[in-house]
């Protein structure tokens, strides 16, 4: 049987999940293809990939898929890599330019503005260029490495995971390993879990390799991967995920609220 095709997000926060596949005992067991969060979801939807690290909102839009249990890309508090950059106070935002590779963060923004601030906003998907985004709108939603390394000056900066935590008291789950149920994911679950454990055990190695690529210090990368990102899918994270789906349904982002189905 050919190796499972995996669609993988090309952001720093994904690296611990796949470190065993890149450097450990899981190397060569999977066919890895790197792309943006939105394209990961599309690859799974179009069956160009068997499994993908997809935006969590996209689980609700896929049929006959399973979540690989115990793993996610989440934040218990501040995340630092999902930022709303605004020229005006949040209560006055009318237009937001969103990174066109983002789906969960864009959905989270709409949920927060409607449910927490009672505001309707106009969303303008654009390439992740903060200067151009802020020319076109009151605020810009920046995600991933571009947000993590942003050094520009703007009147207001809001960390969306921190805002979610402030209003709900719960973590936020940004991405999940999701795959087609007919690909026998339970059989492969141990390799996915072992790859993550290998990554978490080698954070220093990851930091040393990726810090120069991002123009960050190794210490800053290590803090981000160990303190800002949470790779579990514990009960607290699942509660946050279920609430996000409930509010997304209430705001019309998803037509129905599907239960979590795990491999």
C-alpha atoms as a PDB file:
ATOM      1  CA  UNK A   1       0.000   0.000   0.000  1.00  0.00           C
ATOM      2  CA  UNK A   2       1.431   3.438  -0.911  1.00  0.00           C
ATOM      3  CA  UNK A   3       2.386   5.835   1.874  1.00  0.00           C
ATOM      4  CA  UNK A   4      -0.299   8.158   3.188  1.00  0.00           C
ATOM      5  CA  UNK A   5      -0.172  11.547   1.509  1.00  0.00           C
ATOM      6  CA  UNK A   6       0.004  14.302   4.140  1.00  0.00           C
ATOM      7  CA  UNK A   7      -0.755  17.962   3.493  1.00  0.00           C
ATOM      8  CA  UNK A   8       1.289  19.989   5.968  1.00  0.00           C
ATOM      9  CA  UNK A   9       1.232  23.673   6.886  1.00  0.00           C
ATOM     10  CA  UNK A  10       4.570  25.358   6.220  1.00  0.00           C
ATOM     11  CA  UNK A  11       4.629  27.340   9.498  1.00  0.00           C
ATOM     12  CA  UNK A  12       6.993  27.024  12.443  1.00  0.00           C
ATOM     13  CA  UNK A  13       4.208  25.874  14.769  1.00  0.00           C
ATOM     14  CA  UNK A  14       3.692  22.747  12.653  1.00  0.00           C
ATOM     15  CA  UNK A  15       7.295  21.538  12.889  1.00  0.00           C
ATOM     16  CA  UNK A  16       7.083  19.648  16.222  1.00  0.00           C
ATOM     17  CA  UNK A  17       4.139  17.627  14.872  1.00  0.00           C
ATOM     18  CA  UNK A  18       6.189  16.344  11.944  1.00  0.00           C
ATOM     19  CA  UNK A  19       9.699  16.342  13.419  1.00  0.00           C
ATOM     20  CA  UNK A  20       9.727  12.572  13.726  1.00  0.00           C
ATOM     21  CA  UNK A  21       8.720  12.367  10.049  1.00  0.00           C
ATOM     22  CA  UNK A  22      11.570  14.698   9.129  1.00  0.00           C
ATOM     23  CA  UNK A  23      14.312  13.483  11.474  1.00  0.00           C
ATOM     24  CA  UNK A  24      13.058  10.534  13.509  1.00  0.00           C
ATOM     25  CA  UNK A  25      11.862   6.975  13.148  1.00  0.00           C
ATOM     26  CA  UNK A  26       8.814   8.013  11.117  1.00  0.00           C
ATOM     27  CA  UNK A  27      11.040   9.378   8.344  1.00  0.00           C
ATOM     28  CA  UNK A  28      10.006   7.898   4.979  1.00  0.00           C
ATOM     29  CA  UNK A  29       6.711   6.501   6.256  1.00  0.00           C
ATOM     30  CA  UNK A  30       4.625   9.355   4.844  1.00  0.00           C
ATOM     31  CA  UNK A  31       4.512  11.495   1.707  1.00  0.00           C
ATOM     32  CA  UNK A  32       4.704  15.078   3.026  1.00  0.00           C
ATOM     33  CA  UNK A  33       3.541  18.049   0.950  1.00  0.00           C
ATOM     34  CA  UNK A  34       3.900  21.567   2.352  1.00  0.00           C
ATOM     35  CA  UNK A  35       1.457  24.408   1.721  1.00  0.00           C
ATOM     36  CA  UNK A  36      -0.796  27.012   3.391  1.00  0.00           C
ATOM     37  CA  UNK A  37      -3.566  26.203   5.910  1.00  0.00           C
ATOM     38  CA  UNK A  38      -6.297  26.890   3.350  1.00  0.00           C
ATOM     39  CA  UNK A  39      -4.620  24.688   0.744  1.00  0.00           C
ATOM     40  CA  UNK A  40      -4.222  21.885   3.294  1.00  0.00           C
ATOM     41  CA  UNK A  41      -7.976  21.857   3.771  1.00  0.00           C
ATOM     42  CA  UNK A  42      -8.578  21.932   0.025  1.00  0.00           C
ATOM     43  CA  UNK A  43      -6.148  19.051  -0.539  1.00  0.00           C
ATOM     44  CA  UNK A  44      -8.009  16.869   1.952  1.00  0.00           C
ATOM     45  CA  UNK A  45     -11.388  17.920   0.566  1.00  0.00           C
ATOM     46  CA  UNK A  46     -10.317  17.092  -3.009  1.00  0.00           C
ATOM     47  CA  UNK A  47      -8.647  13.839  -1.860  1.00  0.00           C
ATOM     48  CA  UNK A  48      -5.265  15.018  -3.082  1.00  0.00           C
ATOM     49  CA  UNK A  49      -4.177  14.247   0.496  1.00  0.00           C
ATOM     50  CA  UNK A  50      -5.231  11.475   2.844  1.00  0.00           C
ATOM     51  CA  UNK A  51      -4.566  13.501   5.989  1.00  0.00           C
ATOM     52  CA  UNK A  52      -3.850  17.174   6.574  1.00  0.00           C
ATOM     53  CA  UNK A  53      -3.086  19.659   9.309  1.00  0.00           C
ATOM     54  CA  UNK A  54      -6.199  21.644   8.504  1.00  0.00           C
ATOM     55  CA  UNK A  55      -7.774  24.775   9.983  1.00  0.00           C
ATOM     56  CA  UNK A  56     -10.080  23.575  12.746  1.00  0.00           C
ATOM     57  CA  UNK A  57     -13.133  25.253  11.186  1.00  0.00           C
ATOM     58  CA  UNK A  58     -12.657  23.101   8.074  1.00  0.00           C
ATOM     59  CA  UNK A  59     -13.421  19.896   9.988  1.00  0.00           C
ATOM     60  CA  UNK A  60     -17.019  21.083  10.007  1.00  0.00           C
ATOM     61  CA  UNK A  61     -17.024  21.345   6.211  1.00  0.00           C
ATOM     62  CA  UNK A  62     -15.669  17.879   5.430  1.00  0.00           C
ATOM     63  CA  UNK A  63     -17.619  14.623   5.180  1.00  0.00           C
ATOM     64  CA  UNK A  64     -16.537  11.171   6.386  1.00  0.00           C
ATOM     65  CA  UNK A  65     -13.373  12.352   8.089  1.00  0.00           C
ATOM     66  CA  UNK A  66     -11.795  11.708  11.476  1.00  0.00           C
ATOM     67  CA  UNK A  67      -9.666  13.772  13.839  1.00  0.00           C
ATOM     68  CA  UNK A  68      -6.441  12.169  15.039  1.00  0.00           C
ATOM     69  CA  UNK A  69      -6.923  12.240  18.805  1.00  0.00           C
ATOM     70  CA  UNK A  70      -4.559  13.774  21.314  1.00  0.00           C
ATOM     71  CA  UNK A  71      -2.897  16.297  18.978  1.00  0.00           C
ATOM     72  CA  UNK A  72      -3.624  19.815  17.786  1.00  0.00           C
ATOM     73  CA  UNK A  73      -2.168  23.252  17.296  1.00  0.00           C
ATOM     74  CA  UNK A  74      -3.770  25.255  20.084  1.00  0.00           C
ATOM     75  CA  UNK A  75      -3.104  28.057  22.542  1.00  0.00           C
ATOM     76  CA  UNK A  76      -3.972  28.054  26.230  1.00  0.00           C
ATOM     77  CA  UNK A  77      -3.456  31.828  26.437  1.00  0.00           C
ATOM     78  CA  UNK A  78      -1.574  34.212  24.137  1.00  0.00           C
ATOM     79  CA  UNK A  79      -0.533  32.641  20.811  1.00  0.00           C
ATOM     80  CA  UNK A  80       1.588  35.455  19.266  1.00  0.00           C
ATOM     81  CA  UNK A  81       1.074  34.184  15.720  1.00  0.00           C
ATOM     82  CA  UNK A  82      -2.554  35.218  15.132  1.00  0.00           C
ATOM     83  CA  UNK A  83      -2.692  38.988  15.385  1.00  0.00           C
ATOM     84  CA  UNK A  84      -5.229  41.647  14.542  1.00  0.00           C
ATOM     85  CA  UNK A  85      -3.313  44.819  13.620  1.00  0.00           C
ATOM     86  CA  UNK A  86      -5.591  47.820  13.768  1.00  0.00           C
ATOM     87  CA  UNK A  87      -5.410  51.527  13.016  1.00  0.00           C
ATOM     88  CA  UNK A  88      -8.385  52.152  15.323  1.00  0.00           C
ATOM     89  CA  UNK A  89      -9.673  50.749  18.635  1.00  0.00           C
ATOM     90  CA  UNK A  90     -11.340  47.375  18.237  1.00  0.00           C
ATOM     91  CA  UNK A  91     -14.790  48.764  18.974  1.00  0.00           C
ATOM     92  CA  UNK A  92     -14.500  51.056  15.935  1.00  0.00           C
ATOM     93  CA  UNK A  93     -13.292  48.532  13.346  1.00  0.00           C
ATOM     94  CA  UNK A  94     -15.506  48.324  10.266  1.00  0.00           C
ATOM     95  CA  UNK A  95     -13.274  46.662   7.675  1.00  0.00           C
ATOM     96  CA  UNK A  96     -10.644  43.949   8.118  1.00  0.00           C
ATOM     97  CA  UNK A  97      -8.185  42.637   5.542  1.00  0.00           C
ATOM     98  CA  UNK A  98      -7.602  38.948   6.289  1.00  0.00           C
ATOM     99  CA  UNK A  99      -4.709  36.747   5.228  1.00  0.00           C
ATOM    100  CA  UNK A 100      -6.163  34.773   2.315  1.00  0.00           C
ATOM    101  CA  UNK A 101      -4.517  31.576   3.587  1.00  0.00           C
ATOM    102  CA  UNK A 102      -6.460  31.794   6.852  1.00  0.00           C
ATOM    103  CA  UNK A 103      -9.796  30.155   7.538  1.00  0.00           C
ATOM    104  CA  UNK A 104      -9.989  29.351  11.242  1.00  0.00           C
ATOM    105  CA  UNK A 105      -8.545  32.698  12.306  1.00  0.00           C
ATOM    106  CA  UNK A 106     -10.852  34.546   9.924  1.00  0.00           C
ATOM    107  CA  UNK A 107     -13.808  32.621  11.344  1.00  0.00           C
ATOM    108  CA  UNK A 108     -12.628  33.320  14.899  1.00  0.00           C
ATOM    109  CA  UNK A 109     -12.434  37.018  14.110  1.00  0.00           C
ATOM    110  CA  UNK A 110     -16.019  37.048  12.802  1.00  0.00           C
ATOM    111  CA  UNK A 111     -17.245  35.113  15.845  1.00  0.00           C
ATOM    112  CA  UNK A 112     -15.480  37.461  18.243  1.00  0.00           C
ATOM    113  CA  UNK A 113     -16.652  40.649  16.570  1.00  0.00           C
ATOM    114  CA  UNK A 114     -20.262  39.470  16.407  1.00  0.00           C
ATOM    115  CA  UNK A 115     -20.564  37.649  19.741  1.00  0.00           C
ATOM    116  CA  UNK A 116     -18.178  39.593  21.986  1.00  0.00           C
ATOM    117  CA  UNK A 117     -18.350  43.099  20.504  1.00  0.00           C
ATOM    118  CA  UNK A 118     -21.767  43.074  18.759  1.00  0.00           C
ATOM    119  CA  UNK A 119     -20.198  44.369  15.567  1.00  0.00           C
ATOM    120  CA  UNK A 120     -20.612  43.425  11.932  1.00  0.00           C
ATOM    121  CA  UNK A 121     -17.453  43.793   9.870  1.00  0.00           C
ATOM    122  CA  UNK A 122     -16.582  43.688   6.188  1.00  0.00           C
ATOM    123  CA  UNK A 123     -13.833  41.154   5.455  1.00  0.00           C
ATOM    124  CA  UNK A 124     -11.406  41.621   2.559  1.00  0.00           C
ATOM    125  CA  UNK A 125      -9.177  38.565   1.857  1.00  0.00           C
ATOM    126  CA  UNK A 126      -5.718  39.656   0.691  1.00  0.00           C
ATOM    127  CA  UNK A 127      -2.156  38.380   0.442  1.00  0.00           C
ATOM    128  CA  UNK A 128      -0.360  38.636   3.815  1.00  0.00           C
ATOM    129  CA  UNK A 129       1.247  42.036   3.245  1.00  0.00           C
ATOM    130  CA  UNK A 130       0.496  44.156   6.351  1.00  0.00           C
ATOM    131  CA  UNK A 131       1.307  47.482   4.683  1.00  0.00           C
ATOM    132  CA  UNK A 132      -1.075  46.869   1.791  1.00  0.00           C
ATOM    133  CA  UNK A 133      -3.697  45.282   4.042  1.00  0.00           C
ATOM    134  CA  UNK A 134      -3.749  48.321   6.303  1.00  0.00           C
ATOM    135  CA  UNK A 135      -4.066  50.629   3.299  1.00  0.00           C
ATOM    136  CA  UNK A 136      -7.225  48.785   2.269  1.00  0.00           C
ATOM    137  CA  UNK A 137      -8.911  48.329   5.656  1.00  0.00           C
ATOM    138  CA  UNK A 138      -9.149  49.537   9.251  1.00  0.00           C
ATOM    139  CA  UNK A 139      -7.355  46.411  10.450  1.00  0.00           C
ATOM    140  CA  UNK A 140      -5.345  43.445   9.181  1.00  0.00           C
ATOM    141  CA  UNK A 141      -5.503  39.833  10.356  1.00  0.00           C
ATOM    142  CA  UNK A 142      -2.045  38.292  10.142  1.00  0.00           C
ATOM    143  CA  UNK A 143      -1.287  34.633  10.916  1.00  0.00           C
ATOM    144  CA  UNK A 144       1.608  32.215  11.152  1.00  0.00           C
ATOM    145  CA  UNK A 145       5.249  33.156  10.778  1.00  0.00           C
ATOM    146  CA  UNK A 146       4.347  36.542   9.270  1.00  0.00           C
ATOM    147  CA  UNK A 147       2.519  37.455  12.477  1.00  0.00           C
ATOM    148  CA  UNK A 148       5.153  35.936  14.736  1.00  0.00           C
ATOM    149  CA  UNK A 149       7.912  38.022  13.148  1.00  0.00           C
ATOM    150  CA  UNK A 150       5.907  41.221  12.568  1.00  0.00           C
ATOM    151  CA  UNK A 151       7.905  44.262  13.677  1.00  0.00           C
ATOM    152  CA  UNK A 152       5.901  47.126  12.206  1.00  0.00           C
ATOM    153  CA  UNK A 153       4.193  49.951  14.078  1.00  0.00           C
ATOM    154  CA  UNK A 154       0.419  50.063  14.361  1.00  0.00           C
ATOM    155  CA  UNK A 155      -1.945  51.739  16.817  1.00  0.00           C
ATOM    156  CA  UNK A 156      -3.489  48.561  18.252  1.00  0.00           C
ATOM    157  CA  UNK A 157      -2.428  44.906  18.296  1.00  0.00           C
ATOM    158  CA  UNK A 158      -4.809  42.188  19.491  1.00  0.00           C
ATOM    159  CA  UNK A 159      -3.775  38.575  20.033  1.00  0.00           C
ATOM    160  CA  UNK A 160      -6.893  36.609  19.046  1.00  0.00           C
ATOM    161  CA  UNK A 161      -6.173  33.618  21.284  1.00  0.00           C
ATOM    162  CA  UNK A 162      -5.736  35.936  24.268  1.00  0.00           C
ATOM    163  CA  UNK A 163      -8.985  37.720  23.391  1.00  0.00           C
ATOM    164  CA  UNK A 164     -10.821  34.391  23.101  1.00  0.00           C
ATOM    165  CA  UNK A 165      -9.448  33.298  26.480  1.00  0.00           C
ATOM    166  CA  UNK A 166     -10.450  36.614  28.053  1.00  0.00           C
ATOM    167  CA  UNK A 167     -14.079  36.199  27.005  1.00  0.00           C
ATOM    168  CA  UNK A 168     -14.520  32.418  27.300  1.00  0.00           C
ATOM    169  CA  UNK A 169     -11.917  31.268  29.820  1.00  0.00           C
ATOM    170  CA  UNK A 170     -10.990  28.468  27.393  1.00  0.00           C
ATOM    171  CA  UNK A 171      -8.084  27.646  25.072  1.00  0.00           C
ATOM    172  CA  UNK A 172      -8.445  27.974  21.323  1.00  0.00           C
ATOM    173  CA  UNK A 173      -7.685  25.178  18.852  1.00  0.00           C
ATOM    174  CA  UNK A 174      -6.409  26.505  15.531  1.00  0.00           C
ATOM    175  CA  UNK A 175      -5.605  23.319  13.613  1.00  0.00           C
ATOM    176  CA  UNK A 176      -6.123  19.563  13.700  1.00  0.00           C
ATOM    177  CA  UNK A 177      -4.782  16.451  12.002  1.00  0.00           C
ATOM    178  CA  UNK A 178      -7.842  15.348   9.989  1.00  0.00           C
ATOM    179  CA  UNK A 179      -8.076  12.543   7.442  1.00  0.00           C
ATOM    180  CA  UNK A 180     -10.459  10.366   5.503  1.00  0.00           C
ATOM    181  CA  UNK A 181     -12.031   7.636   7.597  1.00  0.00           C
ATOM    182  CA  UNK A 182     -11.484   5.031   4.858  1.00  0.00           C
ATOM    183  CA  UNK A 183      -7.684   5.406   5.138  1.00  0.00           C
ATOM    184  CA  UNK A 184      -7.464   3.360   8.345  1.00  0.00           C
ATOM    185  CA  UNK A 185      -6.169   6.267  10.433  1.00  0.00           C
ATOM    186  CA  UNK A 186      -6.269   4.323  13.685  1.00  0.00           C
ATOM    187  CA  UNK A 187      -3.533   2.057  12.298  1.00  0.00           C
ATOM    188  CA  UNK A 188      -1.271   5.070  11.751  1.00  0.00           C
ATOM    189  CA  UNK A 189      -2.130   7.016  14.901  1.00  0.00           C
ATOM    190  CA  UNK A 190       0.892   5.741  16.851  1.00  0.00           C
ATOM    191  CA  UNK A 191       3.284   7.116  14.217  1.00  0.00           C
ATOM    192  CA  UNK A 192       1.668  10.566  14.329  1.00  0.00           C
ATOM    193  CA  UNK A 193       1.827  10.608  18.128  1.00  0.00           C
ATOM    194  CA  UNK A 194       5.437   9.390  18.159  1.00  0.00           C
ATOM    195  CA  UNK A 195       6.432  12.062  15.630  1.00  0.00           C
ATOM    196  CA  UNK A 196       5.035  14.765  17.909  1.00  0.00           C
ATOM    197  CA  UNK A 197       6.715  13.323  21.007  1.00  0.00           C
ATOM    198  CA  UNK A 198      10.015  13.246  19.137  1.00  0.00           C
ATOM    199  CA  UNK A 199       9.490  16.883  18.190  1.00  0.00           C
ATOM    200  CA  UNK A 200       8.675  17.964  21.733  1.00  0.00           C
ATOM    201  CA  UNK A 201      11.806  16.159  22.936  1.00  0.00           C
ATOM    202  CA  UNK A 202      13.950  18.028  20.387  1.00  0.00           C
ATOM    203  CA  UNK A 203      12.666  21.596  20.680  1.00  0.00           C
ATOM    204  CA  UNK A 204      16.240  22.859  21.079  1.00  0.00           C
ATOM    205  CA  UNK A 205      17.193  21.300  17.739  1.00  0.00           C
ATOM    206  CA  UNK A 206      14.112  22.771  16.035  1.00  0.00           C
ATOM    207  CA  UNK A 207      14.858  26.204  17.505  1.00  0.00           C
ATOM    208  CA  UNK A 208      18.471  26.094  16.359  1.00  0.00           C
ATOM    209  CA  UNK A 209      17.460  25.189  12.799  1.00  0.00           C
ATOM    210  CA  UNK A 210      14.496  27.511  12.348  1.00  0.00           C
ATOM    211  CA  UNK A 211      15.575  30.639  14.254  1.00  0.00           C
ATOM    212  CA  UNK A 212      17.962  31.855  11.508  1.00  0.00           C
ATOM    213  CA  UNK A 213      15.315  31.265   8.836  1.00  0.00           C
ATOM    214  CA  UNK A 214      12.864  33.519  10.673  1.00  0.00           C
ATOM    215  CA  UNK A 215      15.313  36.120  11.945  1.00  0.00           C
ATOM    216  CA  UNK A 216      14.517  35.149  15.533  1.00  0.00           C
ATOM    217  CA  UNK A 217      16.690  34.011  18.410  1.00  0.00           C
ATOM    218  CA  UNK A 218      16.654  30.326  19.268  1.00  0.00           C
ATOM    219  CA  UNK A 219      15.416  31.281  22.736  1.00  0.00           C
ATOM    220  CA  UNK A 220      12.423  33.132  21.266  1.00  0.00           C
ATOM    221  CA  UNK A 221      11.536  30.165  19.036  1.00  0.00           C
ATOM    222  CA  UNK A 222      11.736  27.842  22.028  1.00  0.00           C
ATOM    223  CA  UNK A 223       9.436  30.054  24.099  1.00  0.00           C
ATOM    224  CA  UNK A 224       6.917  30.187  21.255  1.00  0.00           C
ATOM    225  CA  UNK A 225       6.872  26.417  20.750  1.00  0.00           C
ATOM    226  CA  UNK A 226       6.748  25.533  24.441  1.00  0.00           C
ATOM    227  CA  UNK A 227       4.739  28.364  26.042  1.00  0.00           C
ATOM    228  CA  UNK A 228       2.519  29.843  23.330  1.00  0.00           C
ATOM    229  CA  UNK A 229       1.632  26.742  21.333  1.00  0.00           C
ATOM    230  CA  UNK A 230      -0.054  23.782  23.004  1.00  0.00           C
ATOM    231  CA  UNK A 231       0.058  20.532  21.050  1.00  0.00           C
ATOM    232  CA  UNK A 232      -2.400  18.551  23.131  1.00  0.00           C
ATOM    233  CA  UNK A 233      -6.070  17.962  22.490  1.00  0.00           C
ATOM    234  CA  UNK A 234      -7.054  17.576  26.126  1.00  0.00           C
ATOM    235  CA  UNK A 235     -10.559  18.037  27.514  1.00  0.00           C
ATOM    236  CA  UNK A 236     -10.042  21.768  28.052  1.00  0.00           C
ATOM    237  CA  UNK A 237      -8.984  22.210  24.427  1.00  0.00           C
ATOM    238  CA  UNK A 238     -11.920  20.116  23.243  1.00  0.00           C
ATOM    239  CA  UNK A 239     -14.285  22.328  25.269  1.00  0.00           C
ATOM    240  CA  UNK A 240     -12.854  25.396  23.562  1.00  0.00           C
ATOM    241  CA  UNK A 241     -13.208  23.732  20.173  1.00  0.00           C
ATOM    242  CA  UNK A 242     -16.839  22.760  20.791  1.00  0.00           C
ATOM    243  CA  UNK A 243     -17.691  26.303  21.911  1.00  0.00           C
ATOM    244  CA  UNK A 244     -16.039  27.719  18.789  1.00  0.00           C
ATOM    245  CA  UNK A 245     -18.143  25.421  16.616  1.00  0.00           C
ATOM    246  CA  UNK A 246     -21.301  26.355  18.532  1.00  0.00           C
ATOM    247  CA  UNK A 247     -20.677  30.090  18.074  1.00  0.00           C
ATOM    248  CA  UNK A 248     -19.638  29.626  14.430  1.00  0.00           C
ATOM    249  CA  UNK A 249     -22.955  27.900  13.799  1.00  0.00           C
ATOM    250  CA  UNK A 250     -24.885  30.649  15.603  1.00  0.00           C
ATOM    251  CA  UNK A 251     -23.183  33.316  13.493  1.00  0.00           C
ATOM    252  CA  UNK A 252     -23.884  31.474  10.233  1.00  0.00           C
ATOM    253  CA  UNK A 253     -20.268  30.557   9.432  1.00  0.00           C
ATOM    254  CA  UNK A 254     -21.122  26.846   9.327  1.00  0.00           C
ATOM    255  CA  UNK A 255     -24.598  25.483   8.500  1.00  0.00           C
ATOM    256  CA  UNK A 256     -24.562  22.713  11.106  1.00  0.00           C
ATOM    257  CA  UNK A 257     -22.481  21.876  14.175  1.00  0.00           C
ATOM    258  CA  UNK A 258     -20.937  18.429  13.694  1.00  0.00           C
ATOM    259  CA  UNK A 259     -19.749  16.386  16.681  1.00  0.00           C
ATOM    260  CA  UNK A 260     -16.076  15.522  17.112  1.00  0.00           C
ATOM    261  CA  UNK A 261     -15.265  12.118  15.619  1.00  0.00           C
ATOM    262  CA  UNK A 262     -11.842  10.726  16.557  1.00  0.00           C
ATOM    263  CA  UNK A 263      -9.539   8.066  15.169  1.00  0.00           C
END
